[in-house]
C-alpha atoms as a PDB file:
ATOM      1  CA  MET A   1      19.365  55.429 -34.082  1.00  0.00           C
ATOM      2  CA  SER A   2      20.169  55.130 -30.516  1.00  0.00           C
ATOM      3  CA  ASP A   3      23.664  55.098 -29.123  1.00  0.00           C
ATOM      4  CA  ASP A   4      23.369  51.497 -28.035  1.00  0.00           C
ATOM      5  CA  GLU A   5      22.134  50.324 -31.544  1.00  0.00           C
ATOM      6  CA  PHE A   6      24.854  52.061 -33.073  1.00  0.00           C
ATOM      7  CA  GLU A   7      27.379  50.490 -30.719  1.00  0.00           C
ATOM      8  CA  THR A   8      25.948  47.101 -31.685  1.00  0.00           C
ATOM      9  CA  HIS A   9      26.564  47.622 -35.185  1.00  0.00           C
ATOM     10  CA  VAL A  10      30.004  48.755 -34.439  1.00  0.00           C
ATOM     11  CA  ASN A  11      30.568  45.448 -32.516  1.00  0.00           C
ATOM     12  CA  ASP A  12      28.939  43.447 -35.167  1.00  0.00           C
ATOM     13  CA  ALA A  13      31.326  44.979 -37.785  1.00  0.00           C
ATOM     14  CA  LEU A  14      34.290  44.109 -35.483  1.00  0.00           C
ATOM     15  CA  ASP A  15      32.941  40.500 -34.871  1.00  0.00           C
ATOM     16  CA  ALA A  16      33.003  40.132 -38.838  1.00  0.00           C
ATOM     17  CA  ILE A  17      36.814  40.648 -38.950  1.00  0.00           C
ATOM     18  CA  PRO A  18      38.573  37.367 -39.199  1.00  0.00           C
ATOM     19  CA  GLU A  19      39.800  36.291 -35.657  1.00  0.00           C
ATOM     20  CA  ARG A  20      43.276  35.647 -37.181  1.00  0.00           C
ATOM     21  CA  LEU A  21      43.377  39.311 -38.371  1.00  0.00           C
ATOM     22  CA  LEU A  22      42.145  40.731 -35.072  1.00  0.00           C
ATOM     23  CA  ALA A  23      44.728  38.755 -33.261  1.00  0.00           C
ATOM     24  CA  LEU A  24      47.487  40.945 -34.707  1.00  0.00           C
ATOM     25  CA  LEU A  25      45.981  44.145 -33.471  1.00  0.00           C
ATOM     26  CA  GLU A  26      48.001  44.860 -30.514  1.00  0.00           C
ATOM     27  CA  ASN A  27      47.662  48.036 -28.225  1.00  0.00           C
ATOM     28  CA  CYS A  28      44.802  49.447 -30.257  1.00  0.00           C
ATOM     29  CA  ILE A  29      41.422  50.353 -28.893  1.00  0.00           C
ATOM     30  CA  ILE A  30      38.178  50.955 -30.916  1.00  0.00           C
ATOM     31  CA  VAL A  31      35.922  53.820 -29.674  1.00  0.00           C
ATOM     32  CA  ILE A  32      32.701  55.639 -30.901  1.00  0.00           C
ATOM     33  CA  GLU A  33      32.623  59.375 -30.935  1.00  0.00           C
ATOM     34  CA  ASP A  34      29.614  61.499 -31.996  1.00  0.00           C
ATOM     35  CA  GLU A  35      31.444  64.156 -34.209  1.00  0.00           C
ATOM     36  CA  PRO A  36      34.582  64.191 -36.034  1.00  0.00           C
ATOM     37  CA  PRO A  37      37.209  67.016 -35.355  1.00  0.00           C
ATOM     38  CA  ALA A  38      36.269  70.479 -36.398  1.00  0.00           C
ATOM     39  CA  GLY A  39      36.668  71.095 -40.086  1.00  0.00           C
ATOM     40  CA  GLU A  40      35.941  67.426 -41.141  1.00  0.00           C
ATOM     41  CA  PRO A  41      32.073  66.920 -40.675  1.00  0.00           C
ATOM     42  CA  ASP A  42      32.020  63.946 -43.312  1.00  0.00           C
ATOM     43  CA  LEU A  43      34.717  61.943 -41.651  1.00  0.00           C
ATOM     44  CA  LEU A  44      33.286  58.428 -40.746  1.00  0.00           C
ATOM     45  CA  GLY A  45      36.237  57.113 -38.939  1.00  0.00           C
ATOM     46  CA  VAL A  46      39.916  57.555 -38.402  1.00  0.00           C
ATOM     47  CA  TYR A  47      43.052  55.669 -37.295  1.00  0.00           C
ATOM     48  CA  ASP A  48      45.240  57.453 -34.722  1.00  0.00           C
ATOM     49  CA  GLY A  49      48.488  55.922 -34.178  1.00  0.00           C
ATOM     50  CA  VAL A  50      51.612  54.548 -35.701  1.00  0.00           C
ATOM     51  CA  PRO A  51      51.043  51.823 -38.441  1.00  0.00           C
ATOM     52  CA  LEU A  52      52.900  48.430 -38.105  1.00  0.00           C
ATOM     53  CA  THR A  53      54.718  49.415 -41.388  1.00  0.00           C
ATOM     54  CA  GLU A  54      56.435  52.339 -39.638  1.00  0.00           C
ATOM     55  CA  ARG A  55      57.243  50.750 -36.378  1.00  0.00           C
ATOM     56  CA  ASP A  56      60.899  50.184 -35.609  1.00  0.00           C
ATOM     57  CA  THR A  57      62.786  48.933 -32.531  1.00  0.00           C
ATOM     58  CA  GLN A  58      62.314  52.184 -30.792  1.00  0.00           C
ATOM     59  CA  TYR A  59      58.585  51.612 -30.853  1.00  0.00           C
ATOM     60  CA  GLY A  60      57.391  50.983 -27.293  1.00  0.00           C
ATOM     61  CA  GLY A  61      55.891  52.542 -24.184  1.00  0.00           C
ATOM     62  CA  VAL A  62      53.299  54.542 -26.031  1.00  0.00           C
ATOM     63  CA  LEU A  63      49.645  55.015 -25.419  1.00  0.00           C
ATOM     64  CA  PRO A  64      47.452  52.773 -27.369  1.00  0.00           C
ATOM     65  CA  ASP A  65      46.592  53.367 -31.173  1.00  0.00           C
ATOM     66  CA  ARG A  66      43.088  54.405 -31.772  1.00  0.00           C
ATOM     67  CA  ILE A  67      40.307  53.385 -34.248  1.00  0.00           C
ATOM     68  CA  VAL A  68      37.423  55.937 -33.981  1.00  0.00           C
ATOM     69  CA  ILE A  69      34.039  55.352 -35.594  1.00  0.00           C
ATOM     70  CA  PHE A  70      32.050  58.627 -35.863  1.00  0.00           C
ATOM     71  CA  LYS A  71      28.265  58.175 -35.346  1.00  0.00           C
ATOM     72  CA  ASN A  72      26.808  61.224 -36.547  1.00  0.00           C
ATOM     73  CA  PRO A  73      28.327  61.654 -39.834  1.00  0.00           C
ATOM     74  CA  THR A  74      27.497  58.029 -40.581  1.00  0.00           C
ATOM     75  CA  LEU A  75      24.086  58.581 -39.684  1.00  0.00           C
ATOM     76  CA  ARG A  76      23.803  61.683 -41.956  1.00  0.00           C
ATOM     77  CA  LEU A  77      25.343  59.750 -44.932  1.00  0.00           C
ATOM     78  CA  CYS A  78      23.058  56.677 -44.557  1.00  0.00           C
ATOM     79  CA  GLN A  79      19.481  56.600 -45.388  1.00  0.00           C
ATOM     80  CA  THR A  80      18.503  53.007 -43.853  1.00  0.00           C
ATOM     81  CA  ARG A  81      19.568  50.878 -40.974  1.00  0.00           C
ATOM     82  CA  ASP A  82      21.128  48.513 -43.718  1.00  0.00           C
ATOM     83  CA  GLU A  83      23.054  51.187 -45.043  1.00  0.00           C
ATOM     84  CA  VAL A  84      24.460  52.086 -41.727  1.00  0.00           C
ATOM     85  CA  ILE A  85      25.388  48.567 -41.177  1.00  0.00           C
ATOM     86  CA  GLU A  86      27.234  48.334 -44.528  1.00  0.00           C
ATOM     87  CA  GLU A  87      29.042  51.682 -43.984  1.00  0.00           C
ATOM     88  CA  VAL A  88      30.179  50.946 -40.430  1.00  0.00           C
ATOM     89  CA  GLY A  89      31.547  47.570 -41.650  1.00  0.00           C
ATOM     90  CA  ILE A  90      33.474  49.308 -44.654  1.00  0.00           C
ATOM     91  CA  THR A  91      34.773  52.089 -42.084  1.00  0.00           C
ATOM     92  CA  MET A  92      35.874  49.357 -39.601  1.00  0.00           C
ATOM     93  CA  VAL A  93      37.935  47.482 -42.371  1.00  0.00           C
ATOM     94  CA  HIS A  94      39.340  50.898 -43.611  1.00  0.00           C
ATOM     95  CA  GLU A  95      40.633  51.813 -40.376  1.00  0.00           C
ATOM     96  CA  ILE A  96      41.994  48.458 -39.379  1.00  0.00           C
ATOM     97  CA  ALA A  97      43.699  48.407 -42.666  1.00  0.00           C
ATOM     98  CA  HIS A  98      45.584  51.761 -41.799  1.00  0.00           C
ATOM     99  CA  TYR A  99      46.882  50.113 -38.627  1.00  0.00           C
ATOM    100  CA  PHE A 100      48.467  47.583 -40.735  1.00  0.00           C
ATOM    101  CA  GLY A 101      49.846  50.223 -43.066  1.00  0.00           C
ATOM    102  CA  ILE A 102      47.576  50.027 -46.169  1.00  0.00           C
ATOM    103  CA  ASP A 103      46.852  53.420 -47.618  1.00  0.00           C
ATOM    104  CA  ASP A 104      43.808  55.074 -49.039  1.00  0.00           C
ATOM    105  CA  ASP A 105      44.837  54.591 -52.686  1.00  0.00           C
ATOM    106  CA  ARG A 106      45.193  50.571 -52.207  1.00  0.00           C
ATOM    107  CA  LEU A 107      41.851  50.657 -49.941  1.00  0.00           C
ATOM    108  CA  HIS A 108      40.139  52.457 -52.833  1.00  0.00           C
ATOM    109  CA  ASP A 109      41.299  49.768 -55.334  1.00  0.00           C
ATOM    110  CA  LEU A 110      39.861  47.053 -52.845  1.00  0.00           C
ATOM    111  CA  GLY A 111      36.502  48.887 -52.555  1.00  0.00           C
ATOM    112  CA  TYR A 112      37.026  50.207 -48.934  1.00  0.00           C
ATOM    113  CA  ALA A 113      37.479  53.877 -49.588  1.00  0.00           C
END
């Protein structure tokens, strides 16, 4: 799958998130990288930042939080284009949920693990 096609699927996954929820994402960027950090070859995405539930009055003047979607592990995991689309959507919701302070256990219960 080309970089452009993968990016389209990431954008489509983002577009599928309700606008009311997206409007709450502040100071957060979404990027695509080919590979995850060394030692985590199966990582499909990561949220890097301070979740809303951990912010206090001292929070400010910080670099944007980042949601990173990793292309190559997703492509290695999925066998078909439809599986890629589904997995990118799950990963997007999963990482956005971390921004809001939802942990992996709760995401697993909701089917987004």
